[in-house]
Amino acid sequence: MNQMILAIAIIGLGSPVLAQEADALAGNEGIPNYYRLRDDIATAGQPTDEALADVKKAGFKAVLNLRTEQEGSLEEKPKVEALGMEYYNIPIGRDGFSPAILQQFKEILAASNNRPLLIHCASSNRVGALWYIYQVLDAGEDEATALAEGKKAGLTSESLEGRAKEYVSAHEVK
């Protein structure tokens, strides 16, 4: 009996079907730079309208958009809400990061009814930078680990990386 359970478990672990079911959005062309940070948090670039429906089908309960009004963040709100998901917007523009932005981000992350949560901007660059800042200043992660995860989440711009590092340096508890 135990050997049969072990055999079933081993077969299940190697099953590509089960792996696909674990993250139905991986490889979705309508969701650029999609990355699953945690079981209940994913990051991406701007999803298409069609992909937003896929986000809902995959079980996501909320979408957090870091794009500004000029980039169309207000247009996305009714689309997300029509699908039955919560919509949040923390616009990160030229002014960059602030304690208010980080506080809003923490509050959205803390609300368990928002999970699973998709966090996106245009390309996922701002998402990765904000995740790096949050991981260092609030989650207690070391900078190297947080930066590596921020890059996986989409941080590619050296300029934005520099600004995020400056923000962390200026706000770290010393």
N, C-alpha and C. Protein backbone atom coordinates (compact mmCIF):
# COMPACT_ATOMS: atom_id res chain seq x y z
N MET A 1 0.82 -1.19 0.00
CA MET A 1 0.00 0.00 0.00
C MET A 1 0.87 1.26 0.00
N ASN A 2 1.87 1.30 0.91
CA ASN A 2 2.75 2.47 0.97
C ASN A 2 3.55 2.64 -0.32
N GLN A 3 3.93 1.51 -0.94
CA GLN A 3 4.68 1.60 -2.19
C GLN A 3 3.80 2.17 -3.31
N MET A 4 2.51 1.82 -3.30
CA MET A 4 1.60 2.35 -4.32
C MET A 4 1.43 3.86 -4.14
N ILE A 5 1.30 4.32 -2.91
CA ILE A 5 1.17 5.76 -2.65
C ILE A 5 2.43 6.48 -3.10
N LEU A 6 3.59 5.90 -2.79
CA LEU A 6 4.86 6.50 -3.20
C LEU A 6 4.95 6.56 -4.72
N ALA A 7 4.54 5.51 -5.42
CA ALA A 7 4.59 5.48 -6.88
C ALA A 7 3.67 6.55 -7.47
N ILE A 8 2.48 6.68 -6.92
CA ILE A 8 1.54 7.70 -7.40
C ILE A 8 2.12 9.09 -7.17
N ALA A 9 2.74 9.33 -6.01
CA ALA A 9 3.33 10.63 -5.70
C ALA A 9 4.46 10.96 -6.67
N ILE A 10 5.30 9.97 -6.97
CA ILE A 10 6.42 10.20 -7.89
C ILE A 10 5.90 10.50 -9.29
N ILE A 11 4.91 9.75 -9.76
CA ILE A 11 4.33 10.00 -11.07
C ILE A 11 3.71 11.39 -11.11
N GLY A 12 3.00 11.77 -10.06
CA GLY A 12 2.37 13.08 -9.98
C GLY A 12 3.36 14.22 -10.01
N LEU A 13 4.51 14.05 -9.35
CA LEU A 13 5.51 15.10 -9.33
C LEU A 13 6.10 15.34 -10.71
N GLY A 14 6.19 14.30 -11.51
CA GLY A 14 6.78 14.45 -12.83
C GLY A 14 5.79 14.79 -13.92
N SER A 15 4.54 14.91 -13.56
CA SER A 15 3.50 15.13 -14.56
C SER A 15 3.50 16.56 -15.07
N PRO A 16 3.70 16.77 -16.38
CA PRO A 16 3.64 18.13 -16.91
C PRO A 16 2.24 18.73 -16.82
N VAL A 17 1.22 17.89 -16.87
CA VAL A 17 -0.15 18.40 -16.76
C VAL A 17 -0.35 19.05 -15.40
N LEU A 18 0.09 18.37 -14.34
CA LEU A 18 -0.05 18.95 -13.01
C LEU A 18 0.77 20.23 -12.88
N ALA A 19 1.94 20.27 -13.48
CA ALA A 19 2.76 21.48 -13.41
C ALA A 19 2.06 22.63 -14.11
N GLN A 20 1.42 22.37 -15.26
CA GLN A 20 0.70 23.42 -15.95
C GLN A 20 -0.48 23.91 -15.14
N GLU A 21 -1.20 22.99 -14.49
CA GLU A 21 -2.34 23.38 -13.68
C GLU A 21 -1.89 24.26 -12.51
N ALA A 22 -0.68 24.03 -12.03
CA ALA A 22 -0.18 24.81 -10.90
C ALA A 22 -0.05 26.29 -11.27
N ASP A 23 0.21 26.60 -12.52
CA ASP A 23 0.31 27.98 -12.94
C ASP A 23 -0.16 28.11 -14.39
N ALA A 24 -1.46 28.23 -14.56
CA ALA A 24 -2.08 28.25 -15.87
C ALA A 24 -1.67 29.47 -16.69
N LEU A 25 -1.11 30.50 -16.08
CA LEU A 25 -0.78 31.72 -16.80
C LEU A 25 0.64 31.72 -17.36
N ALA A 26 1.46 30.79 -16.94
CA ALA A 26 2.83 30.72 -17.46
C ALA A 26 2.78 30.52 -18.97
N GLY A 27 3.49 31.37 -19.68
CA GLY A 27 3.54 31.27 -21.13
C GLY A 27 2.39 31.96 -21.85
N ASN A 28 1.49 32.58 -21.12
CA ASN A 28 0.37 33.30 -21.75
C ASN A 28 0.94 34.54 -22.45
N GLU A 29 0.81 34.60 -23.76
CA GLU A 29 1.39 35.71 -24.53
C GLU A 29 0.74 37.05 -24.23
N GLY A 30 -0.45 37.03 -23.65
CA GLY A 30 -1.13 38.26 -23.30
C GLY A 30 -0.70 38.86 -21.98
N ILE A 31 0.23 38.17 -21.31
CA ILE A 31 0.74 38.66 -20.02
C ILE A 31 2.27 38.67 -20.09
N PRO A 32 2.84 39.77 -20.58
CA PRO A 32 4.31 39.81 -20.74
C PRO A 32 5.04 39.77 -19.41
N ASN A 33 6.17 39.13 -19.43
CA ASN A 33 7.07 39.06 -18.27
C ASN A 33 6.40 38.48 -17.03
N TYR A 34 5.46 37.57 -17.23
CA TYR A 34 4.76 36.94 -16.10
C TYR A 34 5.75 36.14 -15.25
N TYR A 35 5.65 36.32 -13.94
CA TYR A 35 6.51 35.58 -13.01
C TYR A 35 5.74 35.33 -11.71
N ARG A 36 5.78 34.12 -11.23
CA ARG A 36 5.09 33.76 -9.98
C ARG A 36 6.07 33.93 -8.83
N LEU A 37 5.92 35.04 -8.08
CA LEU A 37 6.80 35.32 -6.94
C LEU A 37 6.56 34.35 -5.79
N ARG A 38 5.30 34.16 -5.48
CA ARG A 38 4.85 33.30 -4.38
C ARG A 38 3.62 32.55 -4.89
N ASP A 39 3.15 31.59 -4.13
CA ASP A 39 1.93 30.90 -4.53
C ASP A 39 0.78 31.87 -4.74
N ASP A 40 0.77 32.95 -3.97
CA ASP A 40 -0.37 33.87 -4.00
C ASP A 40 -0.03 35.26 -4.53
N ILE A 41 1.14 35.43 -5.15
CA ILE A 41 1.54 36.72 -5.73
C ILE A 41 2.28 36.47 -7.04
N ALA A 42 1.81 37.15 -8.09
CA ALA A 42 2.49 37.06 -9.39
C ALA A 42 2.74 38.48 -9.89
N THR A 43 3.72 38.62 -10.76
CA THR A 43 4.08 39.92 -11.33
C THR A 43 4.06 39.81 -12.85
N ALA A 44 3.88 40.97 -13.51
CA ALA A 44 3.83 40.95 -14.96
C ALA A 44 3.91 42.36 -15.52
N GLY A 45 4.02 42.40 -16.84
CA GLY A 45 3.81 43.63 -17.57
C GLY A 45 2.32 43.78 -17.83
N GLN A 46 1.93 44.76 -18.60
CA GLN A 46 0.52 45.04 -18.84
C GLN A 46 -0.19 43.88 -19.52
N PRO A 47 -1.18 43.28 -18.86
CA PRO A 47 -1.95 42.21 -19.51
C PRO A 47 -2.93 42.79 -20.54
N THR A 48 -3.18 42.03 -21.58
CA THR A 48 -4.22 42.42 -22.53
C THR A 48 -5.59 42.24 -21.87
N ASP A 49 -6.62 42.81 -22.48
CA ASP A 49 -7.98 42.63 -21.96
C ASP A 49 -8.36 41.15 -21.91
N GLU A 50 -8.00 40.42 -22.95
CA GLU A 50 -8.29 38.98 -23.00
C GLU A 50 -7.55 38.24 -21.89
N ALA A 51 -6.32 38.64 -21.64
CA ALA A 51 -5.53 37.98 -20.60
C ALA A 51 -6.08 38.26 -19.21
N LEU A 52 -6.71 39.41 -19.02
CA LEU A 52 -7.34 39.69 -17.72
C LEU A 52 -8.39 38.64 -17.40
N ALA A 53 -9.13 38.19 -18.41
CA ALA A 53 -10.10 37.11 -18.20
C ALA A 53 -9.38 35.82 -17.81
N ASP A 54 -8.22 35.56 -18.39
CA ASP A 54 -7.43 34.39 -18.02
C ASP A 54 -6.93 34.50 -16.57
N VAL A 55 -6.58 35.71 -16.16
CA VAL A 55 -6.14 35.96 -14.78
C VAL A 55 -7.27 35.56 -13.82
N LYS A 56 -8.48 35.96 -14.13
CA LYS A 56 -9.64 35.60 -13.31
C LYS A 56 -9.84 34.09 -13.31
N LYS A 57 -9.79 33.46 -14.48
CA LYS A 57 -9.98 32.01 -14.59
C LYS A 57 -8.93 31.25 -13.79
N ALA A 58 -7.74 31.83 -13.67
CA ALA A 58 -6.65 31.19 -12.92
C ALA A 58 -6.82 31.35 -11.41
N GLY A 59 -7.87 32.05 -11.00
CA GLY A 59 -8.16 32.14 -9.57
C GLY A 59 -7.70 33.40 -8.88
N PHE A 60 -7.17 34.35 -9.62
CA PHE A 60 -6.73 35.59 -8.99
C PHE A 60 -7.93 36.38 -8.50
N LYS A 61 -7.77 37.01 -7.35
CA LYS A 61 -8.86 37.78 -6.75
C LYS A 61 -8.66 39.28 -6.90
N ALA A 62 -7.43 39.70 -7.19
CA ALA A 62 -7.15 41.14 -7.26
C ALA A 62 -6.02 41.43 -8.23
N VAL A 63 -6.06 42.67 -8.76
CA VAL A 63 -5.02 43.17 -9.65
C VAL A 63 -4.55 44.50 -9.09
N LEU A 64 -3.23 44.64 -8.98
CA LEU A 64 -2.61 45.90 -8.56
C LEU A 64 -1.82 46.44 -9.74
N ASN A 65 -2.21 47.61 -10.21
CA ASN A 65 -1.60 48.25 -11.36
C ASN A 65 -0.72 49.40 -10.87
N LEU A 66 0.55 49.41 -11.24
CA LEU A 66 1.48 50.47 -10.84
C LEU A 66 1.62 51.54 -11.93
N ARG A 67 0.80 51.46 -12.98
CA ARG A 67 0.86 52.45 -14.06
C ARG A 67 0.12 53.72 -13.66
N THR A 68 0.47 54.80 -14.30
CA THR A 68 -0.14 56.09 -14.01
C THR A 68 -1.43 56.27 -14.83
N GLU A 69 -2.16 57.31 -14.48
CA GLU A 69 -3.38 57.65 -15.21
C GLU A 69 -3.06 57.92 -16.69
N GLN A 70 -1.95 58.59 -16.95
CA GLN A 70 -1.55 58.89 -18.32
C GLN A 70 -1.26 57.61 -19.12
N GLU A 71 -0.94 56.54 -18.43
CA GLU A 71 -0.66 55.26 -19.09
C GLU A 71 -1.91 54.39 -19.23
N GLY A 72 -3.05 54.88 -18.74
CA GLY A 72 -4.29 54.14 -18.92
C GLY A 72 -4.76 53.34 -17.72
N SER A 73 -4.25 53.64 -16.54
CA SER A 73 -4.64 52.86 -15.37
C SER A 73 -6.14 52.95 -15.08
N LEU A 74 -6.74 54.10 -15.35
CA LEU A 74 -8.18 54.26 -15.08
C LEU A 74 -9.04 53.41 -16.02
N GLU A 75 -8.54 53.17 -17.22
CA GLU A 75 -9.28 52.35 -18.19
C GLU A 75 -9.33 50.88 -17.77
N GLU A 76 -8.34 50.44 -17.01
CA GLU A 76 -8.29 49.04 -16.61
C GLU A 76 -9.26 48.73 -15.47
N LYS A 77 -9.51 49.69 -14.62
CA LYS A 77 -10.34 49.47 -13.42
C LYS A 77 -11.69 48.82 -13.74
N PRO A 78 -12.51 49.40 -14.64
CA PRO A 78 -13.82 48.77 -14.90
C PRO A 78 -13.71 47.38 -15.53
N LYS A 79 -12.66 47.14 -16.28
CA LYS A 79 -12.46 45.83 -16.90
C LYS A 79 -12.20 44.76 -15.84
N VAL A 80 -11.34 45.09 -14.89
CA VAL A 80 -11.01 44.15 -13.82
C VAL A 80 -12.23 43.92 -12.92
N GLU A 81 -12.90 45.00 -12.56
CA GLU A 81 -14.06 44.89 -11.69
C GLU A 81 -15.21 44.14 -12.36
N ALA A 82 -15.36 44.29 -13.68
CA ALA A 82 -16.41 43.55 -14.41
C ALA A 82 -16.17 42.05 -14.37
N LEU A 83 -14.92 41.66 -14.18
CA LEU A 83 -14.57 40.24 -14.07
C LEU A 83 -14.74 39.72 -12.65
N GLY A 84 -15.09 40.62 -11.72
CA GLY A 84 -15.31 40.20 -10.33
C GLY A 84 -14.06 40.22 -9.47
N MET A 85 -13.02 40.90 -9.93
CA MET A 85 -11.80 41.00 -9.14
C MET A 85 -11.70 42.40 -8.55
N GLU A 86 -10.96 42.51 -7.47
CA GLU A 86 -10.66 43.81 -6.88
C GLU A 86 -9.59 44.49 -7.73
N TYR A 87 -9.65 45.81 -7.80
CA TYR A 87 -8.67 46.57 -8.57
C TYR A 87 -8.03 47.62 -7.68
N TYR A 88 -6.72 47.68 -7.72
CA TYR A 88 -5.95 48.67 -6.98
C TYR A 88 -4.98 49.36 -7.93
N ASN A 89 -4.72 50.62 -7.64
CA ASN A 89 -3.78 51.37 -8.46
C ASN A 89 -2.89 52.20 -7.56
N ILE A 90 -1.60 51.97 -7.67
CA ILE A 90 -0.59 52.80 -7.01
C ILE A 90 0.28 53.35 -8.14
N PRO A 91 -0.03 54.54 -8.62
CA PRO A 91 0.73 55.06 -9.76
C PRO A 91 2.16 55.44 -9.38
N ILE A 92 3.10 54.83 -10.07
CA ILE A 92 4.51 55.16 -9.87
C ILE A 92 4.99 55.81 -11.17
N GLY A 93 5.18 57.11 -11.10
CA GLY A 93 5.60 57.86 -12.27
C GLY A 93 7.02 58.37 -12.12
N ARG A 94 7.26 59.52 -12.70
CA ARG A 94 8.61 60.10 -12.69
C ARG A 94 9.11 60.44 -11.29
N ASP A 95 8.19 60.72 -10.37
CA ASP A 95 8.60 61.05 -9.01
C ASP A 95 9.18 59.85 -8.26
N GLY A 96 8.94 58.66 -8.76
CA GLY A 96 9.52 57.47 -8.18
C GLY A 96 8.79 57.00 -6.93
N PHE A 97 9.57 56.57 -5.96
CA PHE A 97 9.04 55.90 -4.78
C PHE A 97 8.91 56.89 -3.63
N SER A 98 7.99 56.57 -2.71
CA SER A 98 7.79 57.41 -1.54
C SER A 98 7.30 56.52 -0.40
N PRO A 99 7.40 57.03 0.83
CA PRO A 99 6.85 56.26 1.95
C PRO A 99 5.35 55.98 1.77
N ALA A 100 4.61 56.91 1.18
CA ALA A 100 3.17 56.70 0.96
C ALA A 100 2.93 55.55 -0.01
N ILE A 101 3.72 55.46 -1.06
CA ILE A 101 3.59 54.36 -2.01
C ILE A 101 3.89 53.04 -1.32
N LEU A 102 4.95 52.99 -0.56
CA LEU A 102 5.31 51.76 0.14
C LEU A 102 4.23 51.37 1.15
N GLN A 103 3.66 52.33 1.83
CA GLN A 103 2.59 52.06 2.80
C GLN A 103 1.36 51.47 2.11
N GLN A 104 0.96 52.06 0.99
CA GLN A 104 -0.17 51.52 0.22
C GLN A 104 0.11 50.09 -0.22
N PHE A 105 1.32 49.86 -0.70
CA PHE A 105 1.72 48.54 -1.17
C PHE A 105 1.62 47.53 -0.03
N LYS A 106 2.13 47.89 1.13
CA LYS A 106 2.08 46.99 2.30
C LYS A 106 0.63 46.68 2.68
N GLU A 107 -0.23 47.67 2.65
CA GLU A 107 -1.63 47.46 3.02
C GLU A 107 -2.33 46.51 2.05
N ILE A 108 -2.06 46.66 0.78
CA ILE A 108 -2.67 45.78 -0.21
C ILE A 108 -2.13 44.36 -0.05
N LEU A 109 -0.84 44.21 0.18
CA LEU A 109 -0.26 42.89 0.39
C LEU A 109 -0.78 42.23 1.66
N ALA A 110 -1.06 43.03 2.68
CA ALA A 110 -1.51 42.50 3.97
C ALA A 110 -2.94 41.99 3.95
N ALA A 111 -3.74 42.45 3.01
CA ALA A 111 -5.15 42.04 2.96
C ALA A 111 -5.26 40.67 2.31
N SER A 112 -5.50 39.65 3.10
CA SER A 112 -5.53 38.27 2.59
C SER A 112 -6.66 38.04 1.59
N ASN A 113 -7.72 38.85 1.64
CA ASN A 113 -8.80 38.68 0.68
C ASN A 113 -8.39 39.12 -0.73
N ASN A 114 -7.20 39.70 -0.87
CA ASN A 114 -6.68 40.10 -2.17
C ASN A 114 -5.85 39.01 -2.84
N ARG A 115 -5.79 37.85 -2.25
CA ARG A 115 -4.91 36.81 -2.76
C ARG A 115 -5.69 35.74 -3.49
N PRO A 116 -5.12 35.19 -4.52
CA PRO A 116 -3.90 35.57 -5.20
C PRO A 116 -4.01 36.96 -5.84
N LEU A 117 -2.87 37.63 -5.92
CA LEU A 117 -2.76 39.00 -6.38
C LEU A 117 -1.80 39.07 -7.57
N LEU A 118 -2.24 39.73 -8.64
CA LEU A 118 -1.36 40.01 -9.78
C LEU A 118 -0.94 41.47 -9.69
N ILE A 119 0.38 41.71 -9.65
CA ILE A 119 0.93 43.06 -9.60
C ILE A 119 1.57 43.33 -10.96
N HIS A 120 1.19 44.44 -11.59
CA HIS A 120 1.77 44.72 -12.90
C HIS A 120 1.99 46.22 -13.10
N CYS A 121 2.83 46.51 -14.08
CA CYS A 121 3.00 47.87 -14.62
C CYS A 121 3.06 47.67 -16.14
N ALA A 122 3.72 48.54 -16.84
CA ALA A 122 3.79 48.38 -18.30
C ALA A 122 4.64 47.18 -18.69
N SER A 123 5.81 47.05 -18.07
CA SER A 123 6.74 45.99 -18.45
C SER A 123 7.10 45.04 -17.31
N SER A 124 6.81 45.39 -16.11
CA SER A 124 7.12 44.74 -14.83
C SER A 124 8.40 45.29 -14.21
N ASN A 125 8.97 46.32 -14.82
CA ASN A 125 10.19 46.95 -14.30
C ASN A 125 9.92 47.63 -12.95
N ARG A 126 8.88 48.44 -12.88
CA ARG A 126 8.53 49.11 -11.62
C ARG A 126 8.11 48.11 -10.55
N VAL A 127 7.46 47.04 -11.00
CA VAL A 127 7.05 45.99 -10.06
C VAL A 127 8.29 45.41 -9.37
N GLY A 128 9.29 45.07 -10.18
CA GLY A 128 10.52 44.50 -9.62
C GLY A 128 11.22 45.45 -8.69
N ALA A 129 11.24 46.73 -9.02
CA ALA A 129 11.89 47.72 -8.17
C ALA A 129 11.14 47.87 -6.84
N LEU A 130 9.82 47.95 -6.92
CA LEU A 130 9.03 48.09 -5.69
C LEU A 130 9.13 46.84 -4.83
N TRP A 131 9.16 45.68 -5.46
CA TRP A 131 9.29 44.43 -4.70
C TRP A 131 10.64 44.40 -3.98
N TYR A 132 11.70 44.81 -4.65
CA TYR A 132 13.02 44.89 -4.03
C TYR A 132 12.98 45.80 -2.80
N ILE A 133 12.42 46.99 -2.95
CA ILE A 133 12.33 47.94 -1.83
C ILE A 133 11.54 47.33 -0.68
N TYR A 134 10.40 46.77 -0.99
CA TYR A 134 9.55 46.16 0.04
C TYR A 134 10.29 45.02 0.76
N GLN A 135 10.95 44.17 0.02
CA GLN A 135 11.64 43.03 0.61
C GLN A 135 12.73 43.47 1.58
N VAL A 136 13.46 44.52 1.24
CA VAL A 136 14.54 44.98 2.12
C VAL A 136 13.98 45.74 3.32
N LEU A 137 13.11 46.71 3.07
CA LEU A 137 12.67 47.60 4.14
C LEU A 137 11.59 47.02 5.03
N ASP A 138 10.78 46.10 4.52
CA ASP A 138 9.67 45.60 5.32
C ASP A 138 9.70 44.11 5.60
N ALA A 139 10.23 43.34 4.69
CA ALA A 139 10.25 41.89 4.88
C ALA A 139 11.56 41.42 5.52
N GLY A 140 12.53 42.34 5.67
CA GLY A 140 13.78 41.99 6.33
C GLY A 140 14.74 41.15 5.51
N GLU A 141 14.54 41.15 4.22
CA GLU A 141 15.41 40.37 3.33
C GLU A 141 16.72 41.13 3.11
N ASP A 142 17.82 40.39 2.92
CA ASP A 142 19.08 41.07 2.63
C ASP A 142 19.02 41.63 1.22
N GLU A 143 19.81 42.67 0.97
CA GLU A 143 19.73 43.39 -0.30
C GLU A 143 20.03 42.52 -1.52
N ALA A 144 21.01 41.65 -1.43
CA ALA A 144 21.37 40.83 -2.59
C ALA A 144 20.24 39.88 -2.97
N THR A 145 19.65 39.23 -1.98
CA THR A 145 18.55 38.31 -2.24
C THR A 145 17.34 39.07 -2.77
N ALA A 146 17.03 40.21 -2.15
CA ALA A 146 15.89 41.02 -2.58
C ALA A 146 16.10 41.54 -4.01
N LEU A 147 17.31 41.94 -4.34
CA LEU A 147 17.59 42.44 -5.68
C LEU A 147 17.45 41.31 -6.71
N ALA A 148 17.93 40.13 -6.39
CA ALA A 148 17.80 39.00 -7.31
C ALA A 148 16.33 38.68 -7.56
N GLU A 149 15.53 38.72 -6.51
CA GLU A 149 14.11 38.45 -6.68
C GLU A 149 13.43 39.60 -7.43
N GLY A 150 13.83 40.83 -7.15
CA GLY A 150 13.29 41.97 -7.88
C GLY A 150 13.56 41.85 -9.37
N LYS A 151 14.74 41.36 -9.72
CA LYS A 151 15.08 41.17 -11.14
C LYS A 151 14.24 40.06 -11.76
N LYS A 152 13.99 39.00 -11.02
CA LYS A 152 13.11 37.95 -11.52
C LYS A 152 11.70 38.48 -11.74
N ALA A 153 11.31 39.43 -10.88
CA ALA A 153 9.97 40.03 -10.98
C ALA A 153 9.89 41.08 -12.08
N GLY A 154 11.01 41.42 -12.71
CA GLY A 154 10.95 42.30 -13.86
C GLY A 154 11.87 43.50 -13.87
N LEU A 155 12.62 43.73 -12.81
CA LEU A 155 13.53 44.88 -12.76
C LEU A 155 14.68 44.67 -13.74
N THR A 156 14.70 45.49 -14.79
CA THR A 156 15.76 45.37 -15.80
C THR A 156 16.50 46.69 -16.02
N SER A 157 15.89 47.81 -15.68
CA SER A 157 16.49 49.11 -15.93
C SER A 157 17.55 49.43 -14.88
N GLU A 158 18.76 49.70 -15.35
CA GLU A 158 19.84 50.07 -14.43
C GLU A 158 19.52 51.37 -13.72
N SER A 159 18.91 52.29 -14.42
CA SER A 159 18.54 53.58 -13.83
C SER A 159 17.51 53.39 -12.71
N LEU A 160 16.48 52.59 -12.97
CA LEU A 160 15.46 52.35 -11.95
C LEU A 160 16.03 51.55 -10.79
N GLU A 161 16.91 50.62 -11.09
CA GLU A 161 17.57 49.87 -10.03
C GLU A 161 18.36 50.82 -9.12
N GLY A 162 19.07 51.76 -9.72
CA GLY A 162 19.83 52.74 -8.95
C GLY A 162 18.94 53.58 -8.06
N ARG A 163 17.79 54.02 -8.61
CA ARG A 163 16.86 54.82 -7.82
C ARG A 163 16.26 54.00 -6.67
N ALA A 164 15.97 52.73 -6.93
CA ALA A 164 15.44 51.86 -5.87
C ALA A 164 16.47 51.65 -4.77
N LYS A 165 17.72 51.45 -5.16
CA LYS A 165 18.79 51.29 -4.17
C LYS A 165 18.98 52.56 -3.35
N GLU A 166 18.91 53.72 -4.00
CA GLU A 166 19.01 54.99 -3.29
C GLU A 166 17.88 55.14 -2.29
N TYR A 167 16.67 54.74 -2.69
CA TYR A 167 15.52 54.82 -1.79
C TYR A 167 15.74 53.93 -0.57
N VAL A 168 16.19 52.72 -0.81
CA VAL A 168 16.46 51.78 0.31
C VAL A 168 17.50 52.37 1.23
N SER A 169 18.59 52.87 0.68
CA SER A 169 19.67 53.45 1.48
C SER A 169 19.19 54.61 2.32
N ALA A 170 18.34 55.45 1.77
CA ALA A 170 17.85 56.64 2.47
C ALA A 170 16.80 56.29 3.54
N HIS A 171 16.16 55.11 3.44
CA HIS A 171 15.07 54.77 4.35
C HIS A 171 15.36 53.59 5.26
N GLU A 172 16.54 53.02 5.14
CA GLU A 172 16.89 51.89 6.01
C GLU A 172 17.03 52.36 7.45
N VAL A 173 16.58 51.50 8.35
CA VAL A 173 16.80 51.79 9.78
C VAL A 173 18.24 51.44 10.06
N LYS A 174 18.96 52.41 10.55
CA LYS A 174 20.42 52.20 10.77
C LYS A 174 20.71 51.94 12.23
